């Protein structure tokens, strides 16, 4: 059983306010302070300091936070394993492209065993990594970037990153220069999404930015974005799996951009999380066909 002082510590790390931590945990504020002081005395280091009236984590607290997240995650996974009588139970996260366009057959194959159970949280990279750190999911399938020093990872598959537009758009099927697309309306995923960050970095390498496009439209749901693109409005960039599932879309290429990105299992570095990945990875998606 995880020490309640670790729960207090992790909550304070998240909200960075002693009063709000006490309210969330239904404790008194002095009790929160006592828990933190106990941990500081036990480990012989300061965990939090005030910097111009703002609470700040020390480097030691950052290190301890990784340990505490890992321990919390392992306890939740252990509890789930002990309650299983048959089959496997998984809690999985997936970024939106992967969740909406890639893993359905894999999940169906996993559910081919009637004893198996799974919950899937489809969200953007930023939110999934937060859920992973809190131990709310066993692992996440991530497109794009993550902190490899903080999380363990394993390749799920590689996927081309391409320009997409409506099938009747004047760029459909063409290879064009970067200059040619800069006057187009750009349909972007929301802040925190993997595809948005990949495109931002590609543009930055050419000293370009989103603001240089003719108009920016941000859409968090790619199904809606696809319907807009089908009408010939704007262009976007996404993984080829998206275009292949949306019949009204076509691919275009930007000259000099031959981009392939990894889809990765991302998880906390502990045996229980690794076991969850092994269970899911061991299922053959072709069994669902």
C-alpha atoms as a PDB file:
ATOM      1  CA  UNK A   1       0.000   0.000   0.000  1.00  0.00           C
ATOM      2  CA  UNK A   2       1.391   3.369  -0.996  1.00  0.00           C
ATOM      3  CA  UNK A   3       2.142   5.730   1.875  1.00  0.00           C
ATOM      4  CA  UNK A   4      -0.498   8.483   2.070  1.00  0.00           C
ATOM      5  CA  UNK A   5       2.341  11.008   2.317  1.00  0.00           C
ATOM      6  CA  UNK A   6       3.352  10.108  -1.219  1.00  0.00           C
ATOM      7  CA  UNK A   7      -0.201  10.830  -2.383  1.00  0.00           C
ATOM      8  CA  UNK A   8       0.006  14.182  -0.610  1.00  0.00           C
ATOM      9  CA  UNK A   9       3.349  14.918  -2.266  1.00  0.00           C
ATOM     10  CA  UNK A  10       2.077  14.062  -5.762  1.00  0.00           C
ATOM     11  CA  UNK A  11      -1.059  16.145  -5.309  1.00  0.00           C
ATOM     12  CA  UNK A  12       1.009  19.132  -4.186  1.00  0.00           C
ATOM     13  CA  UNK A  13       3.276  18.651  -7.214  1.00  0.00           C
ATOM     14  CA  UNK A  14       0.209  18.861  -9.442  1.00  0.00           C
ATOM     15  CA  UNK A  15      -1.639  21.811  -7.905  1.00  0.00           C
ATOM     16  CA  UNK A  16       1.386  23.640  -6.376  1.00  0.00           C
ATOM     17  CA  UNK A  17      -0.693  25.077  -3.563  1.00  0.00           C
ATOM     18  CA  UNK A  18      -0.914  23.821   0.024  1.00  0.00           C
ATOM     19  CA  UNK A  19      -4.485  25.028   0.596  1.00  0.00           C
ATOM     20  CA  UNK A  20      -5.818  23.472  -2.633  1.00  0.00           C
ATOM     21  CA  UNK A  21      -3.962  20.233  -1.857  1.00  0.00           C
ATOM     22  CA  UNK A  22      -5.635  20.081   1.551  1.00  0.00           C
ATOM     23  CA  UNK A  23      -9.071  20.713   0.007  1.00  0.00           C
ATOM     24  CA  UNK A  24      -8.594  18.065  -2.681  1.00  0.00           C
ATOM     25  CA  UNK A  25      -7.445  15.424  -0.178  1.00  0.00           C
ATOM     26  CA  UNK A  26      -9.987  16.462   2.485  1.00  0.00           C
ATOM     27  CA  UNK A  27      -7.195  17.245   4.936  1.00  0.00           C
ATOM     28  CA  UNK A  28      -6.159  20.255   6.970  1.00  0.00           C
ATOM     29  CA  UNK A  29      -3.421  22.462   5.589  1.00  0.00           C
ATOM     30  CA  UNK A  30      -1.151  21.787   8.621  1.00  0.00           C
ATOM     31  CA  UNK A  31      -1.501  18.049   7.911  1.00  0.00           C
ATOM     32  CA  UNK A  32      -0.305  18.600   4.334  1.00  0.00           C
ATOM     33  CA  UNK A  33       2.666  20.583   5.638  1.00  0.00           C
ATOM     34  CA  UNK A  34       3.414  17.828   8.158  1.00  0.00           C
ATOM     35  CA  UNK A  35       3.441  15.165   5.416  1.00  0.00           C
ATOM     36  CA  UNK A  36       5.862  17.184   3.292  1.00  0.00           C
ATOM     37  CA  UNK A  37       8.133  17.935   6.245  1.00  0.00           C
ATOM     38  CA  UNK A  38       8.203  14.231   7.126  1.00  0.00           C
ATOM     39  CA  UNK A  39       9.375  13.345   3.601  1.00  0.00           C
ATOM     40  CA  UNK A  40      11.963  16.117   3.653  1.00  0.00           C
ATOM     41  CA  UNK A  41      13.313  14.935   7.028  1.00  0.00           C
ATOM     42  CA  UNK A  42      13.284  11.289   5.961  1.00  0.00           C
ATOM     43  CA  UNK A  43      15.190  11.890   2.723  1.00  0.00           C
ATOM     44  CA  UNK A  44      17.341  14.741   4.023  1.00  0.00           C
ATOM     45  CA  UNK A  45      16.505  17.323   1.359  1.00  0.00           C
ATOM     46  CA  UNK A  46      14.176  20.203   0.590  1.00  0.00           C
ATOM     47  CA  UNK A  47      11.339  19.335  -1.769  1.00  0.00           C
ATOM     48  CA  UNK A  48       9.573  22.685  -2.120  1.00  0.00           C
ATOM     49  CA  UNK A  49      10.733  26.273  -1.772  1.00  0.00           C
ATOM     50  CA  UNK A  50       9.086  29.639  -2.191  1.00  0.00           C
ATOM     51  CA  UNK A  51      10.488  31.879  -4.896  1.00  0.00           C
ATOM     52  CA  UNK A  52       8.954  35.364  -4.734  1.00  0.00           C
ATOM     53  CA  UNK A  53       5.823  33.974  -3.070  1.00  0.00           C
ATOM     54  CA  UNK A  54       5.467  31.249  -5.712  1.00  0.00           C
ATOM     55  CA  UNK A  55       5.871  27.621  -4.670  1.00  0.00           C
ATOM     56  CA  UNK A  56       8.552  25.808  -6.664  1.00  0.00           C
ATOM     57  CA  UNK A  57       9.771  22.204  -6.758  1.00  0.00           C
ATOM     58  CA  UNK A  58      13.461  21.609  -6.076  1.00  0.00           C
ATOM     59  CA  UNK A  59      15.555  19.340  -8.326  1.00  0.00           C
ATOM     60  CA  UNK A  60      15.312  16.725  -5.568  1.00  0.00           C
ATOM     61  CA  UNK A  61      11.522  16.963  -5.721  1.00  0.00           C
ATOM     62  CA  UNK A  62      11.583  16.406  -9.490  1.00  0.00           C
ATOM     63  CA  UNK A  63      13.592  13.227  -8.936  1.00  0.00           C
ATOM     64  CA  UNK A  64      11.374  12.061  -6.093  1.00  0.00           C
ATOM     65  CA  UNK A  65       8.257  12.764  -8.196  1.00  0.00           C
ATOM     66  CA  UNK A  66       9.416  10.252 -10.830  1.00  0.00           C
ATOM     67  CA  UNK A  67       9.931   7.635  -8.141  1.00  0.00           C
ATOM     68  CA  UNK A  68       6.554   8.370  -6.528  1.00  0.00           C
ATOM     69  CA  UNK A  69       4.704   8.200  -9.853  1.00  0.00           C
ATOM     70  CA  UNK A  70       6.328   4.876 -10.613  1.00  0.00           C
ATOM     71  CA  UNK A  71       5.451   3.396  -7.228  1.00  0.00           C
ATOM     72  CA  UNK A  72       1.843   4.598  -7.518  1.00  0.00           C
ATOM     73  CA  UNK A  73       1.512   3.143 -11.000  1.00  0.00           C
ATOM     74  CA  UNK A  74       2.909  -0.217  -9.904  1.00  0.00           C
ATOM     75  CA  UNK A  75       0.509  -0.419  -6.981  1.00  0.00           C
ATOM     76  CA  UNK A  76      -2.507   0.270  -9.219  1.00  0.00           C
ATOM     77  CA  UNK A  77      -1.352  -2.341 -11.717  1.00  0.00           C
ATOM     78  CA  UNK A  78      -0.693  -4.874  -8.941  1.00  0.00           C
ATOM     79  CA  UNK A  79      -4.180  -4.323  -7.533  1.00  0.00           C
ATOM     80  CA  UNK A  80      -5.682  -4.875 -11.001  1.00  0.00           C
ATOM     81  CA  UNK A  81      -3.662  -8.064 -11.501  1.00  0.00           C
ATOM     82  CA  UNK A  82      -4.665  -9.476  -8.120  1.00  0.00           C
ATOM     83  CA  UNK A  83      -8.340  -8.891  -8.896  1.00  0.00           C
ATOM     84  CA  UNK A  84      -8.138 -10.698 -12.255  1.00  0.00           C
ATOM     85  CA  UNK A  85      -9.403 -14.241 -12.222  1.00  0.00           C
ATOM     86  CA  UNK A  86      -9.240 -14.888 -15.965  1.00  0.00           C
ATOM     87  CA  UNK A  87      -7.930 -12.965 -18.941  1.00  0.00           C
ATOM     88  CA  UNK A  88      -6.172  -9.615 -18.863  1.00  0.00           C
ATOM     89  CA  UNK A  89      -7.387  -6.141 -17.970  1.00  0.00           C
ATOM     90  CA  UNK A  90      -5.689  -3.113 -19.541  1.00  0.00           C
ATOM     91  CA  UNK A  91      -6.115   0.645 -19.354  1.00  0.00           C
ATOM     92  CA  UNK A  92      -4.629   2.171 -22.484  1.00  0.00           C
ATOM     93  CA  UNK A  93      -4.116   5.662 -23.851  1.00  0.00           C
ATOM     94  CA  UNK A  94      -3.796   6.558 -27.530  1.00  0.00           C
ATOM     95  CA  UNK A  95      -3.204   9.819 -29.318  1.00  0.00           C
ATOM     96  CA  UNK A  96      -6.052  10.812 -31.576  1.00  0.00           C
ATOM     97  CA  UNK A  97      -4.678   9.647 -34.918  1.00  0.00           C
ATOM     98  CA  UNK A  98      -3.723   6.266 -33.486  1.00  0.00           C
ATOM     99  CA  UNK A  99      -6.972   5.890 -31.550  1.00  0.00           C
ATOM    100  CA  UNK A 100      -9.245   6.914 -34.419  1.00  0.00           C
ATOM    101  CA  UNK A 101      -7.440   5.380 -37.391  1.00  0.00           C
ATOM    102  CA  UNK A 102      -4.855   2.752 -36.375  1.00  0.00           C
ATOM    103  CA  UNK A 103      -5.579   0.474 -33.406  1.00  0.00           C
ATOM    104  CA  UNK A 104      -9.183  -0.644 -33.865  1.00  0.00           C
ATOM    105  CA  UNK A 105      -8.183  -4.041 -35.291  1.00  0.00           C
ATOM    106  CA  UNK A 106      -5.621  -4.547 -32.512  1.00  0.00           C
ATOM    107  CA  UNK A 107      -8.258  -3.838 -29.856  1.00  0.00           C
ATOM    108  CA  UNK A 108     -10.773  -6.143 -31.563  1.00  0.00           C
ATOM    109  CA  UNK A 109      -8.166  -8.911 -31.598  1.00  0.00           C
ATOM    110  CA  UNK A 110      -7.467  -8.377 -27.882  1.00  0.00           C
ATOM    111  CA  UNK A 111     -11.214  -8.574 -27.178  1.00  0.00           C
ATOM    112  CA  UNK A 112     -11.328 -11.810 -29.148  1.00  0.00           C
ATOM    113  CA  UNK A 113     -10.652 -13.465 -25.798  1.00  0.00           C
ATOM    114  CA  UNK A 114     -13.976 -13.073 -23.924  1.00  0.00           C
ATOM    115  CA  UNK A 115     -12.116 -12.875 -20.597  1.00  0.00           C
ATOM    116  CA  UNK A 116     -10.090  -9.811 -21.620  1.00  0.00           C
ATOM    117  CA  UNK A 117     -11.137  -6.279 -20.680  1.00  0.00           C
ATOM    118  CA  UNK A 118      -9.801  -2.952 -21.910  1.00  0.00           C
ATOM    119  CA  UNK A 119     -10.485   0.757 -21.496  1.00  0.00           C
ATOM    120  CA  UNK A 120      -9.099   3.194 -24.054  1.00  0.00           C
ATOM    121  CA  UNK A 121      -8.554   6.906 -23.469  1.00  0.00           C
ATOM    122  CA  UNK A 122      -8.090   8.803 -26.751  1.00  0.00           C
ATOM    123  CA  UNK A 123      -6.561  12.225 -26.153  1.00  0.00           C
ATOM    124  CA  UNK A 124      -3.646  14.410 -27.170  1.00  0.00           C
ATOM    125  CA  UNK A 125      -0.032  13.655 -26.243  1.00  0.00           C
ATOM    126  CA  UNK A 126       0.193  16.175 -23.426  1.00  0.00           C
ATOM    127  CA  UNK A 127      -2.889  14.894 -21.593  1.00  0.00           C
ATOM    128  CA  UNK A 128      -1.943  11.239 -22.061  1.00  0.00           C
ATOM    129  CA  UNK A 129       1.519  11.748 -20.586  1.00  0.00           C
ATOM    130  CA  UNK A 130      -0.080  13.449 -17.592  1.00  0.00           C
ATOM    131  CA  UNK A 131      -2.446  10.477 -17.168  1.00  0.00           C
ATOM    132  CA  UNK A 132       0.510   8.101 -17.499  1.00  0.00           C
ATOM    133  CA  UNK A 133       2.441   9.937 -14.794  1.00  0.00           C
ATOM    134  CA  UNK A 134      -0.573   9.748 -12.466  1.00  0.00           C
ATOM    135  CA  UNK A 135      -0.869   5.998 -13.022  1.00  0.00           C
ATOM    136  CA  UNK A 136      -4.297   6.301 -14.649  1.00  0.00           C
ATOM    137  CA  UNK A 137      -3.266   4.258 -17.708  1.00  0.00           C
ATOM    138  CA  UNK A 138      -0.880   1.327 -18.124  1.00  0.00           C
ATOM    139  CA  UNK A 139       0.745   2.731 -21.263  1.00  0.00           C
ATOM    140  CA  UNK A 140       0.081   5.176 -24.069  1.00  0.00           C
ATOM    141  CA  UNK A 141       0.454   4.803 -27.813  1.00  0.00           C
ATOM    142  CA  UNK A 142       2.028   8.093 -28.803  1.00  0.00           C
ATOM    143  CA  UNK A 143       2.586   9.740 -32.170  1.00  0.00           C
ATOM    144  CA  UNK A 144       5.350  12.314 -32.152  1.00  0.00           C
ATOM    145  CA  UNK A 145       7.485  13.642 -29.351  1.00  0.00           C
ATOM    146  CA  UNK A 146       7.829  12.730 -25.669  1.00  0.00           C
ATOM    147  CA  UNK A 147      10.540  13.008 -23.012  1.00  0.00           C
ATOM    148  CA  UNK A 148      12.555   9.816 -23.510  1.00  0.00           C
ATOM    149  CA  UNK A 149      14.541  10.532 -20.343  1.00  0.00           C
ATOM    150  CA  UNK A 150      11.366  10.316 -18.282  1.00  0.00           C
ATOM    151  CA  UNK A 151       9.501   7.450 -19.974  1.00  0.00           C
ATOM    152  CA  UNK A 152      10.414   4.035 -21.327  1.00  0.00           C
ATOM    153  CA  UNK A 153       9.320   3.286 -24.896  1.00  0.00           C
ATOM    154  CA  UNK A 154       9.052   0.607 -27.543  1.00  0.00           C
ATOM    155  CA  UNK A 155       8.268   0.916 -31.248  1.00  0.00           C
ATOM    156  CA  UNK A 156       4.677   0.127 -32.260  1.00  0.00           C
ATOM    157  CA  UNK A 157       5.056   0.912 -35.982  1.00  0.00           C
ATOM    158  CA  UNK A 158       6.424   3.507 -38.408  1.00  0.00           C
ATOM    159  CA  UNK A 159       4.087   5.785 -40.364  1.00  0.00           C
ATOM    160  CA  UNK A 160       4.615   8.376 -43.164  1.00  0.00           C
ATOM    161  CA  UNK A 161       3.650  11.973 -42.338  1.00  0.00           C
ATOM    162  CA  UNK A 162       2.098  13.582 -45.422  1.00  0.00           C
ATOM    163  CA  UNK A 163       0.228  16.586 -46.745  1.00  0.00           C
ATOM    164  CA  UNK A 164      -3.498  16.014 -47.175  1.00  0.00           C
ATOM    165  CA  UNK A 165      -6.305  17.921 -48.897  1.00  0.00           C
ATOM    166  CA  UNK A 166      -9.652  17.292 -50.525  1.00  0.00           C
ATOM    167  CA  UNK A 167      -9.637  14.975 -53.541  1.00  0.00           C
ATOM    168  CA  UNK A 168     -10.689  17.902 -55.760  1.00  0.00           C
ATOM    169  CA  UNK A 169      -8.170  20.396 -54.332  1.00  0.00           C
ATOM    170  CA  UNK A 170      -5.665  21.907 -56.771  1.00  0.00           C
ATOM    171  CA  UNK A 171      -2.760  20.424 -54.750  1.00  0.00           C
ATOM    172  CA  UNK A 172      -4.140  16.851 -54.801  1.00  0.00           C
ATOM    173  CA  UNK A 173      -1.591  14.340 -56.093  1.00  0.00           C
ATOM    174  CA  UNK A 174       1.067  16.985 -56.734  1.00  0.00           C
ATOM    175  CA  UNK A 175       4.588  17.583 -55.458  1.00  0.00           C
ATOM    176  CA  UNK A 176       4.900  21.240 -54.536  1.00  0.00           C
ATOM    177  CA  UNK A 177       7.410  23.612 -52.986  1.00  0.00           C
ATOM    178  CA  UNK A 178       7.055  24.909 -49.453  1.00  0.00           C
ATOM    179  CA  UNK A 179       6.483  28.404 -50.873  1.00  0.00           C
ATOM    180  CA  UNK A 180       3.451  27.145 -52.815  1.00  0.00           C
ATOM    181  CA  UNK A 181       1.592  26.033 -49.704  1.00  0.00           C
ATOM    182  CA  UNK A 182       2.204  29.119 -47.579  1.00  0.00           C
ATOM    183  CA  UNK A 183      -0.782  31.002 -49.011  1.00  0.00           C
ATOM    184  CA  UNK A 184      -3.138  28.115 -48.306  1.00  0.00           C
ATOM    185  CA  UNK A 185      -5.533  27.910 -45.391  1.00  0.00           C
ATOM    186  CA  UNK A 186      -4.077  25.483 -42.837  1.00  0.00           C
ATOM    187  CA  UNK A 187      -6.301  23.152 -40.827  1.00  0.00           C
ATOM    188  CA  UNK A 188      -4.452  22.385 -37.588  1.00  0.00           C
ATOM    189  CA  UNK A 189      -5.010  20.037 -34.694  1.00  0.00           C
ATOM    190  CA  UNK A 190      -5.288  21.551 -31.210  1.00  0.00           C
ATOM    191  CA  UNK A 191      -2.405  22.676 -29.008  1.00  0.00           C
ATOM    192  CA  UNK A 192      -0.678  19.684 -27.424  1.00  0.00           C
ATOM    193  CA  UNK A 193      -1.320  17.298 -30.314  1.00  0.00           C
ATOM    194  CA  UNK A 194       1.577  15.298 -31.774  1.00  0.00           C
ATOM    195  CA  UNK A 195       0.875  16.164 -35.422  1.00  0.00           C
ATOM    196  CA  UNK A 196       0.748  19.890 -34.677  1.00  0.00           C
ATOM    197  CA  UNK A 197       4.142  19.755 -32.945  1.00  0.00           C
ATOM    198  CA  UNK A 198       5.730  17.766 -35.791  1.00  0.00           C
ATOM    199  CA  UNK A 199       4.563  20.315 -38.350  1.00  0.00           C
ATOM    200  CA  UNK A 200       5.699  23.208 -36.153  1.00  0.00           C
ATOM    201  CA  UNK A 201       9.215  21.767 -35.991  1.00  0.00           C
ATOM    202  CA  UNK A 202       9.329  21.044 -39.734  1.00  0.00           C
ATOM    203  CA  UNK A 203       8.395  24.643 -40.466  1.00  0.00           C
ATOM    204  CA  UNK A 204      10.849  26.010 -37.899  1.00  0.00           C
ATOM    205  CA  UNK A 205      13.674  24.160 -39.667  1.00  0.00           C
ATOM    206  CA  UNK A 206      12.855  26.281 -42.738  1.00  0.00           C
ATOM    207  CA  UNK A 207      12.449  29.505 -40.706  1.00  0.00           C
ATOM    208  CA  UNK A 208       8.677  29.388 -41.194  1.00  0.00           C
ATOM    209  CA  UNK A 209       5.762  29.408 -38.772  1.00  0.00           C
ATOM    210  CA  UNK A 210       2.017  28.807 -38.694  1.00  0.00           C
ATOM    211  CA  UNK A 211       1.339  32.544 -38.746  1.00  0.00           C
ATOM    212  CA  UNK A 212       2.671  32.777 -42.299  1.00  0.00           C
ATOM    213  CA  UNK A 213      -0.183  30.731 -43.759  1.00  0.00           C
ATOM    214  CA  UNK A 214      -3.155  32.469 -45.302  1.00  0.00           C
ATOM    215  CA  UNK A 215      -5.491  31.471 -42.478  1.00  0.00           C
ATOM    216  CA  UNK A 216      -5.356  29.059 -39.541  1.00  0.00           C
ATOM    217  CA  UNK A 217      -8.284  26.922 -38.410  1.00  0.00           C
ATOM    218  CA  UNK A 218      -7.814  24.742 -35.322  1.00  0.00           C
ATOM    219  CA  UNK A 219      -9.962  21.594 -35.092  1.00  0.00           C
ATOM    220  CA  UNK A 220      -9.500  19.033 -32.311  1.00  0.00           C
ATOM    221  CA  UNK A 221     -11.510  16.276 -34.048  1.00  0.00           C
ATOM    222  CA  UNK A 222      -9.988  14.964 -37.254  1.00  0.00           C
ATOM    223  CA  UNK A 223     -13.298  13.571 -38.482  1.00  0.00           C
ATOM    224  CA  UNK A 224     -14.585  17.149 -38.596  1.00  0.00           C
ATOM    225  CA  UNK A 225     -11.322  18.376 -40.141  1.00  0.00           C
ATOM    226  CA  UNK A 226     -11.668  15.727 -42.863  1.00  0.00           C
ATOM    227  CA  UNK A 227     -15.193  16.921 -43.706  1.00  0.00           C
ATOM    228  CA  UNK A 228     -13.861  20.487 -44.090  1.00  0.00           C
ATOM    229  CA  UNK A 229     -10.960  19.330 -46.271  1.00  0.00           C
ATOM    230  CA  UNK A 230     -13.308  17.281 -48.456  1.00  0.00           C
ATOM    231  CA  UNK A 231     -15.106  20.512 -49.377  1.00  0.00           C
ATOM    232  CA  UNK A 232     -11.844  21.853 -50.802  1.00  0.00           C
ATOM    233  CA  UNK A 233     -11.256  24.196 -47.878  1.00  0.00           C
ATOM    234  CA  UNK A 234      -7.628  24.315 -46.817  1.00  0.00           C
ATOM    235  CA  UNK A 235      -4.874  21.764 -46.406  1.00  0.00           C
ATOM    236  CA  UNK A 236      -3.511  19.839 -43.480  1.00  0.00           C
ATOM    237  CA  UNK A 237      -0.740  17.429 -42.498  1.00  0.00           C
ATOM    238  CA  UNK A 238      -1.319  14.061 -40.887  1.00  0.00           C
ATOM    239  CA  UNK A 239      -0.282  10.439 -40.959  1.00  0.00           C
ATOM    240  CA  UNK A 240      -0.982   8.437 -44.086  1.00  0.00           C
ATOM    241  CA  UNK A 241      -3.267   6.105 -42.118  1.00  0.00           C
ATOM    242  CA  UNK A 242      -5.727   9.004 -41.828  1.00  0.00           C
ATOM    243  CA  UNK A 243      -5.856   9.638 -45.551  1.00  0.00           C
ATOM    244  CA  UNK A 244      -6.295   5.940 -46.305  1.00  0.00           C
ATOM    245  CA  UNK A 245      -9.376   5.748 -44.067  1.00  0.00           C
ATOM    246  CA  UNK A 246     -10.961   8.973 -45.398  1.00  0.00           C
ATOM    247  CA  UNK A 247     -12.017   8.375 -49.001  1.00  0.00           C
ATOM    248  CA  UNK A 248     -12.649  12.029 -49.810  1.00  0.00           C
ATOM    249  CA  UNK A 249      -9.038  13.022 -49.147  1.00  0.00           C
ATOM    250  CA  UNK A 250      -5.914  12.999 -51.290  1.00  0.00           C
ATOM    251  CA  UNK A 251      -2.196  13.260 -50.607  1.00  0.00           C
ATOM    252  CA  UNK A 252       0.225  15.935 -51.763  1.00  0.00           C
ATOM    253  CA  UNK A 253       3.982  16.117 -51.180  1.00  0.00           C
ATOM    254  CA  UNK A 254       6.150  19.030 -50.149  1.00  0.00           C
ATOM    255  CA  UNK A 255       9.417  18.901 -52.036  1.00  0.00           C
ATOM    256  CA  UNK A 256      12.250  17.830 -49.724  1.00  0.00           C
ATOM    257  CA  UNK A 257       9.897  16.497 -47.045  1.00  0.00           C
ATOM    258  CA  UNK A 258      10.062  12.715 -46.835  1.00  0.00           C
ATOM    259  CA  UNK A 259       8.916  12.300 -43.271  1.00  0.00           C
ATOM    260  CA  UNK A 260       8.379   9.021 -41.428  1.00  0.00           C
ATOM    261  CA  UNK A 261       7.628   9.067 -37.712  1.00  0.00           C
ATOM    262  CA  UNK A 262       7.469   6.396 -35.046  1.00  0.00           C
ATOM    263  CA  UNK A 263       4.327   5.358 -33.227  1.00  0.00           C
ATOM    264  CA  UNK A 264       5.574   4.244 -29.810  1.00  0.00           C
ATOM    265  CA  UNK A 265       4.370   2.443 -26.744  1.00  0.00           C
ATOM    266  CA  UNK A 266       5.254   4.908 -23.961  1.00  0.00           C
ATOM    267  CA  UNK A 267       5.175   3.747 -20.341  1.00  0.00           C
ATOM    268  CA  UNK A 268       6.729   4.160 -16.936  1.00  0.00           C
ATOM    269  CA  UNK A 269       9.900   2.148 -16.487  1.00  0.00           C
ATOM    270  CA  UNK A 270       8.703  -0.627 -14.209  1.00  0.00           C
ATOM    271  CA  UNK A 271       7.924  -4.357 -14.620  1.00  0.00           C
ATOM    272  CA  UNK A 272       4.134  -3.970 -14.365  1.00  0.00           C
ATOM    273  CA  UNK A 273       3.921  -1.366 -17.123  1.00  0.00           C
ATOM    274  CA  UNK A 274       6.258  -3.399 -19.306  1.00  0.00           C
ATOM    275  CA  UNK A 275       4.099  -6.467 -18.726  1.00  0.00           C
ATOM    276  CA  UNK A 276       1.001  -4.533 -19.858  1.00  0.00           C
ATOM    277  CA  UNK A 277       2.789  -3.564 -23.071  1.00  0.00           C
ATOM    278  CA  UNK A 278       3.851  -7.183 -23.626  1.00  0.00           C
ATOM    279  CA  UNK A 279       0.262  -8.391 -23.244  1.00  0.00           C
ATOM    280  CA  UNK A 280      -1.076  -5.953 -25.834  1.00  0.00           C
ATOM    281  CA  UNK A 281       1.883  -6.281 -28.204  1.00  0.00           C
ATOM    282  CA  UNK A 282       1.544 -10.058 -28.123  1.00  0.00           C
ATOM    283  CA  UNK A 283      -1.890  -9.923 -29.765  1.00  0.00           C
ATOM    284  CA  UNK A 284      -1.953 -10.353 -33.556  1.00  0.00           C
ATOM    285  CA  UNK A 285      -4.268  -7.679 -35.104  1.00  0.00           C
ATOM    286  CA  UNK A 286      -4.854  -9.981 -38.088  1.00  0.00           C
ATOM    287  CA  UNK A 287      -6.947 -12.183 -35.807  1.00  0.00           C
ATOM    288  CA  UNK A 288      -9.723  -9.543 -35.935  1.00  0.00           C
ATOM    289  CA  UNK A 289     -10.110  -9.746 -39.723  1.00  0.00           C
END
